[in-house]
PDB file of N, CA and C in Angstrom:
ATOM      1  N   MET A   1       7.460  12.757   2.563  1.00  0.00           N
ATOM      2  CA  MET A   1       7.079  12.873   3.950  1.00  0.00           C
ATOM      3  C   MET A   1       5.622  12.468   4.107  1.00  0.00           C
ATOM      4  N   THR A   2       5.340  11.607   5.052  1.00  0.00           N
ATOM      5  CA  THR A   2       3.992  11.118   5.282  1.00  0.00           C
ATOM      6  C   THR A   2       3.259  12.070   6.209  1.00  0.00           C
ATOM      7  N   THR A   3       2.072  12.509   5.792  1.00  0.00           N
ATOM      8  CA  THR A   3       1.255  13.326   6.673  1.00  0.00           C
ATOM      9  C   THR A   3       0.487  12.400   7.609  1.00  0.00           C
ATOM     10  N   THR A   4      -0.069  12.966   8.670  1.00  0.00           N
ATOM     11  CA  THR A   4      -0.840  12.171   9.621  1.00  0.00           C
ATOM     12  C   THR A   4      -2.007  11.493   8.918  1.00  0.00           C
ATOM     13  N   GLY A   5      -2.700  12.223   8.073  1.00  0.00           N
ATOM     14  CA  GLY A   5      -3.825  11.649   7.341  1.00  0.00           C
ATOM     15  C   GLY A   5      -3.394  10.521   6.426  1.00  0.00           C
ATOM     16  N   GLU A   6      -2.277  10.707   5.739  1.00  0.00           N
ATOM     17  CA  GLU A   6      -1.772   9.655   4.865  1.00  0.00           C
ATOM     18  C   GLU A   6      -1.361   8.433   5.672  1.00  0.00           C
ATOM     19  N   SER A   7      -0.747   8.635   6.818  1.00  0.00           N
ATOM     20  CA  SER A   7      -0.343   7.510   7.669  1.00  0.00           C
ATOM     21  C   SER A   7      -1.552   6.679   8.070  1.00  0.00           C
ATOM     22  N   GLU A   8      -2.624   7.353   8.438  1.00  0.00           N
ATOM     23  CA  GLU A   8      -3.849   6.646   8.821  1.00  0.00           C
ATOM     24  C   GLU A   8      -4.432   5.886   7.634  1.00  0.00           C
ATOM     25  N   HIS A   9      -4.435   6.521   6.472  1.00  0.00           N
ATOM     26  CA  HIS A   9      -4.945   5.858   5.268  1.00  0.00           C
ATOM     27  C   HIS A   9      -4.089   4.654   4.895  1.00  0.00           C
ATOM     28  N   LEU A  10      -2.781   4.798   4.994  1.00  0.00           N
ATOM     29  CA  LEU A  10      -1.889   3.697   4.646  1.00  0.00           C
ATOM     30  C   LEU A  10      -2.029   2.532   5.620  1.00  0.00           C
ATOM     31  N   ALA A  11      -2.255   2.817   6.888  1.00  0.00           N
ATOM     32  CA  ALA A  11      -2.502   1.752   7.865  1.00  0.00           C
ATOM     33  C   ALA A  11      -3.792   1.007   7.504  1.00  0.00           C
ATOM     34  N   ALA A  12      -4.805   1.742   7.083  1.00  0.00           N
ATOM     35  CA  ALA A  12      -6.066   1.119   6.666  1.00  0.00           C
ATOM     36  C   ALA A  12      -5.858   0.287   5.397  1.00  0.00           C
ATOM     37  N   VAL A  13      -5.033   0.774   4.480  1.00  0.00           N
ATOM     38  CA  VAL A  13      -4.710   0.027   3.262  1.00  0.00           C
ATOM     39  C   VAL A  13      -4.055  -1.300   3.645  1.00  0.00           C
ATOM     40  N   GLN A  14      -3.095  -1.252   4.563  1.00  0.00           N
ATOM     41  CA  GLN A  14      -2.423  -2.477   5.002  1.00  0.00           C
ATOM     42  C   GLN A  14      -3.420  -3.446   5.633  1.00  0.00           C
ATOM     43  N   ASP A  15      -4.339  -2.942   6.429  1.00  0.00           N
ATOM     44  CA  ASP A  15      -5.356  -3.795   7.046  1.00  0.00           C
ATOM     45  C   ASP A  15      -6.252  -4.440   5.995  1.00  0.00           C
ATOM     46  N   ARG A  16      -6.689  -3.654   5.011  1.00  0.00           N
ATOM     47  CA  ARG A  16      -7.555  -4.207   3.958  1.00  0.00           C
ATOM     48  C   ARG A  16      -6.822  -5.263   3.135  1.00  0.00           C
ATOM     49  N   LEU A  17      -5.563  -4.996   2.807  1.00  0.00           N
ATOM     50  CA  LEU A  17      -4.802  -5.966   2.034  1.00  0.00           C
ATOM     51  C   LEU A  17      -4.537  -7.238   2.834  1.00  0.00           C
ATOM     52  N   THR A  18      -4.297  -7.104   4.120  1.00  0.00           N
ATOM     53  CA  THR A  18      -4.100  -8.268   4.986  1.00  0.00           C
ATOM     54  C   THR A  18      -5.357  -9.133   4.994  1.00  0.00           C
ATOM     55  N   ALA A  19      -6.515  -8.498   5.084  1.00  0.00           N
ATOM     56  CA  ALA A  19      -7.786  -9.240   5.080  1.00  0.00           C
ATOM     57  C   ALA A  19      -8.069  -9.859   3.709  1.00  0.00           C
ATOM     58  N   ALA A  20      -7.747  -9.131   2.649  1.00  0.00           N
ATOM     59  CA  ALA A  20      -8.057  -9.592   1.291  1.00  0.00           C
ATOM     60  C   ALA A  20      -7.078 -10.655   0.790  1.00  0.00           C
ATOM     61  N   LEU A  21      -5.869 -10.657   1.324  1.00  0.00           N
ATOM     62  CA  LEU A  21      -4.826 -11.570   0.846  1.00  0.00           C
ATOM     63  C   LEU A  21      -4.256 -12.368   2.021  1.00  0.00           C
ATOM     64  N   PRO A  22      -5.046 -13.294   2.575  1.00  0.00           N
ATOM     65  CA  PRO A  22      -4.608 -14.009   3.778  1.00  0.00           C
ATOM     66  C   PRO A  22      -3.356 -14.867   3.575  1.00  0.00           C
ATOM     67  N   GLY A  23      -3.017 -15.203   2.348  1.00  0.00           N
ATOM     68  CA  GLY A  23      -1.826 -16.001   2.085  1.00  0.00           C
ATOM     69  C   GLY A  23      -0.545 -15.196   2.004  1.00  0.00           C
ATOM     70  N   VAL A  24      -0.655 -13.882   2.141  1.00  0.00           N
ATOM     71  CA  VAL A  24       0.509 -13.000   2.057  1.00  0.00           C
ATOM     72  C   VAL A  24       0.831 -12.490   3.460  1.00  0.00           C
ATOM     73  N   SER A  25       2.093 -12.548   3.828  1.00  0.00           N
ATOM     74  CA  SER A  25       2.470 -12.124   5.184  1.00  0.00           C
ATOM     75  C   SER A  25       2.272 -10.615   5.361  1.00  0.00           C
ATOM     76  N   ARG A  26       2.017 -10.238   6.590  1.00  0.00           N
ATOM     77  CA  ARG A  26       1.852  -8.822   6.915  1.00  0.00           C
ATOM     78  C   ARG A  26       3.136  -8.062   6.566  1.00  0.00           C
ATOM     79  N   HIS A  27       4.264  -8.684   6.806  1.00  0.00           N
ATOM     80  CA  HIS A  27       5.551  -8.056   6.492  1.00  0.00           C
ATOM     81  C   HIS A  27       5.638  -7.737   4.999  1.00  0.00           C
ATOM     82  N   ASP A  28       5.284  -8.695   4.153  1.00  0.00           N
ATOM     83  CA  ASP A  28       5.322  -8.457   2.705  1.00  0.00           C
ATOM     84  C   ASP A  28       4.363  -7.351   2.301  1.00  0.00           C
ATOM     85  N   ILE A  29       3.203  -7.323   2.934  1.00  0.00           N
ATOM     86  CA  ILE A  29       2.230  -6.270   2.638  1.00  0.00           C
ATOM     87  C   ILE A  29       2.792  -4.913   3.035  1.00  0.00           C
ATOM     88  N   GLU A  30       3.363  -4.820   4.226  1.00  0.00           N
ATOM     89  CA  GLU A  30       3.935  -3.551   4.684  1.00  0.00           C
ATOM     90  C   GLU A  30       5.059  -3.094   3.770  1.00  0.00           C
ATOM     91  N   GLN A  31       5.917  -4.020   3.341  1.00  0.00           N
ATOM     92  CA  GLN A  31       7.034  -3.677   2.456  1.00  0.00           C
ATOM     93  C   GLN A  31       6.529  -3.203   1.093  1.00  0.00           C
ATOM     94  N   THR A  32       5.511  -3.876   0.579  1.00  0.00           N
ATOM     95  CA  THR A  32       4.961  -3.509  -0.726  1.00  0.00           C
ATOM     96  C   THR A  32       4.270  -2.158  -0.668  1.00  0.00           C
ATOM     97  N   VAL A  33       3.502  -1.924   0.385  1.00  0.00           N
ATOM     98  CA  VAL A  33       2.834  -0.629   0.544  1.00  0.00           C
ATOM     99  C   VAL A  33       3.875   0.481   0.666  1.00  0.00           C
ATOM    100  N   ALA A  34       4.921   0.241   1.435  1.00  0.00           N
ATOM    101  CA  ALA A  34       5.980   1.254   1.584  1.00  0.00           C
ATOM    102  C   ALA A  34       6.663   1.539   0.249  1.00  0.00           C
ATOM    103  N   ALA A  35       6.920   0.506  -0.536  1.00  0.00           N
ATOM    104  CA  ALA A  35       7.566   0.690  -1.839  1.00  0.00           C
ATOM    105  C   ALA A  35       6.655   1.467  -2.790  1.00  0.00           C
ATOM    106  N   GLU A  36       5.384   1.135  -2.791  1.00  0.00           N
ATOM    107  CA  GLU A  36       4.443   1.847  -3.650  1.00  0.00           C
ATOM    108  C   GLU A  36       4.299   3.301  -3.199  1.00  0.00           C
ATOM    109  N   TYR A  37       4.272   3.521  -1.908  1.00  0.00           N
ATOM    110  CA  TYR A  37       4.165   4.879  -1.375  1.00  0.00           C
ATOM    111  C   TYR A  37       5.372   5.714  -1.790  1.00  0.00           C
ATOM    112  N   ALA A  38       6.541   5.110  -1.767  1.00  0.00           N
ATOM    113  CA  ALA A  38       7.771   5.823  -2.125  1.00  0.00           C
ATOM    114  C   ALA A  38       7.739   6.337  -3.565  1.00  0.00           C
ATOM    115  N   ARG A  39       6.995   5.654  -4.413  1.00  0.00           N
ATOM    116  CA  ARG A  39       6.893   6.090  -5.814  1.00  0.00           C
ATOM    117  C   ARG A  39       6.246   7.471  -5.945  1.00  0.00           C
ATOM    118  N   PHE A  40       5.481   7.877  -4.937  1.00  0.00           N
ATOM    119  CA  PHE A  40       4.761   9.142  -4.987  1.00  0.00           C
ATOM    120  C   PHE A  40       5.440  10.248  -4.189  1.00  0.00           C
ATOM    121  N   GLU A  41       6.632   9.976  -3.699  1.00  0.00           N
ATOM    122  CA  GLU A  41       7.395  10.969  -2.936  1.00  0.00           C
ATOM    123  C   GLU A  41       7.623  12.211  -3.785  1.00  0.00           C
ATOM    124  N   GLY A  42       7.396  13.356  -3.196  1.00  0.00           N
ATOM    125  CA  GLY A  42       7.640  14.621  -3.862  1.00  0.00           C
ATOM    126  C   GLY A  42       6.528  15.090  -4.787  1.00  0.00           C
ATOM    127  N   ARG A  43       5.482  14.326  -4.905  1.00  0.00           N
ATOM    128  CA  ARG A  43       4.365  14.749  -5.762  1.00  0.00           C
ATOM    129  C   ARG A  43       3.545  15.789  -5.014  1.00  0.00           C
ATOM    130  N   SER A  44       3.095  16.797  -5.708  1.00  0.00           N
ATOM    131  CA  SER A  44       2.390  17.890  -5.044  1.00  0.00           C
ATOM    132  C   SER A  44       0.924  17.560  -4.738  1.00  0.00           C
ATOM    133  N   VAL A  45       0.275  16.806  -5.571  1.00  0.00           N
ATOM    134  CA  VAL A  45      -1.120  16.443  -5.328  1.00  0.00           C
ATOM    135  C   VAL A  45      -1.129  15.132  -4.557  1.00  0.00           C
ATOM    136  N   ARG A  46      -1.623  15.186  -3.312  1.00  0.00           N
ATOM    137  CA  ARG A  46      -1.526  14.045  -2.406  1.00  0.00           C
ATOM    138  C   ARG A  46      -2.870  13.362  -2.150  1.00  0.00           C
ATOM    139  N   ASP A  47      -3.971  13.933  -2.614  1.00  0.00           N
ATOM    140  CA  ASP A  47      -5.300  13.451  -2.256  1.00  0.00           C
ATOM    141  C   ASP A  47      -5.536  11.976  -2.574  1.00  0.00           C
ATOM    142  N   PHE A  48      -5.010  11.500  -3.681  1.00  0.00           N
ATOM    143  CA  PHE A  48      -5.312  10.147  -4.119  1.00  0.00           C
ATOM    144  C   PHE A  48      -4.170   9.161  -3.909  1.00  0.00           C
ATOM    145  N   VAL A  49      -3.115   9.582  -3.239  1.00  0.00           N
ATOM    146  CA  VAL A  49      -1.963   8.714  -3.041  1.00  0.00           C
ATOM    147  C   VAL A  49      -2.344   7.403  -2.358  1.00  0.00           C
ATOM    148  N   PRO A  50      -3.097   7.397  -1.248  1.00  0.00           N
ATOM    149  CA  PRO A  50      -3.447   6.111  -0.639  1.00  0.00           C
ATOM    150  C   PRO A  50      -4.230   5.188  -1.583  1.00  0.00           C
ATOM    151  N   LEU A  51      -5.098   5.740  -2.398  1.00  0.00           N
ATOM    152  CA  LEU A  51      -5.842   4.933  -3.363  1.00  0.00           C
ATOM    153  C   LEU A  51      -4.892   4.302  -4.384  1.00  0.00           C
ATOM    154  N   PHE A  52      -3.988   5.093  -4.917  1.00  0.00           N
ATOM    155  CA  PHE A  52      -3.027   4.564  -5.884  1.00  0.00           C
ATOM    156  C   PHE A  52      -2.109   3.526  -5.247  1.00  0.00           C
ATOM    157  N   VAL A  53      -1.676   3.791  -4.026  1.00  0.00           N
ATOM    158  CA  VAL A  53      -0.813   2.845  -3.319  1.00  0.00           C
ATOM    159  C   VAL A  53      -1.550   1.523  -3.134  1.00  0.00           C
ATOM    160  N   GLU A  54      -2.796   1.580  -2.681  1.00  0.00           N
ATOM    161  CA  GLU A  54      -3.547   0.343  -2.458  1.00  0.00           C
ATOM    162  C   GLU A  54      -3.726  -0.428  -3.762  1.00  0.00           C
ATOM    163  N   ARG A  55      -4.108   0.253  -4.812  1.00  0.00           N
ATOM    164  CA  ARG A  55      -4.334  -0.406  -6.100  1.00  0.00           C
ATOM    165  C   ARG A  55      -3.051  -1.072  -6.603  1.00  0.00           C
ATOM    166  N   ASN A  56      -1.949  -0.341  -6.575  1.00  0.00           N
ATOM    167  CA  ASN A  56      -0.678  -0.884  -7.061  1.00  0.00           C
ATOM    168  C   ASN A  56      -0.159  -2.008  -6.175  1.00  0.00           C
ATOM    169  N   ALA A  57      -0.269  -1.847  -4.860  1.00  0.00           N
ATOM    170  CA  ALA A  57       0.206  -2.877  -3.929  1.00  0.00           C
ATOM    171  C   ALA A  57      -0.621  -4.148  -4.072  1.00  0.00           C
ATOM    172  N   ARG A  58      -1.935  -4.009  -4.191  1.00  0.00           N
ATOM    173  CA  ARG A  58      -2.801  -5.177  -4.354  1.00  0.00           C
ATOM    174  C   ARG A  58      -2.395  -5.963  -5.609  1.00  0.00           C
ATOM    175  N   GLU A  59      -2.177  -5.267  -6.696  1.00  0.00           N
ATOM    176  CA  GLU A  59      -1.793  -5.927  -7.952  1.00  0.00           C
ATOM    177  C   GLU A  59      -0.430  -6.614  -7.800  1.00  0.00           C
ATOM    178  N   ALA A  60       0.530  -5.934  -7.192  1.00  0.00           N
ATOM    179  CA  ALA A  60       1.857  -6.524  -6.995  1.00  0.00           C
ATOM    180  C   ALA A  60       1.796  -7.749  -6.102  1.00  0.00           C
ATOM    181  N   LEU A  61       1.023  -7.668  -5.027  1.00  0.00           N
ATOM    182  CA  LEU A  61       0.925  -8.799  -4.098  1.00  0.00           C
ATOM    183  C   LEU A  61       0.182  -9.963  -4.717  1.00  0.00           C
ATOM    184  N   ARG A  62      -0.834  -9.713  -5.494  1.00  0.00           N
ATOM    185  CA  ARG A  62      -1.551 -10.794  -6.176  1.00  0.00           C
ATOM    186  C   ARG A  62      -0.624 -11.500  -7.158  1.00  0.00           C
ATOM    187  N   SER A  63       0.173 -10.732  -7.872  1.00  0.00           N
ATOM    188  CA  SER A  63       1.117 -11.314  -8.816  1.00  0.00           C
ATOM    189  C   SER A  63       2.137 -12.184  -8.094  1.00  0.00           C
ATOM    190  N   THR A  64       2.633 -11.698  -6.966  1.00  0.00           N
ATOM    191  CA  THR A  64       3.602 -12.453  -6.166  1.00  0.00           C
ATOM    192  C   THR A  64       2.975 -13.717  -5.599  1.00  0.00           C
ATOM    193  N   ALA A  65       1.761 -13.614  -5.082  1.00  0.00           N
ATOM    194  CA  ALA A  65       1.085 -14.761  -4.486  1.00  0.00           C
ATOM    195  C   ALA A  65       0.750 -15.822  -5.539  1.00  0.00           C
ATOM    196  N   ALA A  66       0.522 -15.400  -6.766  1.00  0.00           N
ATOM    197  CA  ALA A  66       0.168 -16.337  -7.834  1.00  0.00           C
ATOM    198  C   ALA A  66       1.361 -17.201  -8.244  1.00  0.00           C
ATOM    199  N   HIS A  67       2.583 -16.717  -7.994  1.00  0.00           N
ATOM    200  CA  HIS A  67       3.777 -17.479  -8.392  1.00  0.00           C
ATOM    201  C   HIS A  67       4.206 -18.337  -7.301  1.00  0.00           C
TER     202      HIS A  67
END
């Protein structure tokens, strides 16, 4: 379940990734962020989830864009 704070952080993550990876569609960024976020479902410590999501999504999108 996404908290309001997490939703705001994830929207900011999507914005940063869109700016950093102009060759990747916003749709792909949103899908990748959502997939990375889902990996943390049910975890009790939520403070760093947006950071982990951004780091993992950025790496996945860079790998995809490189191919």
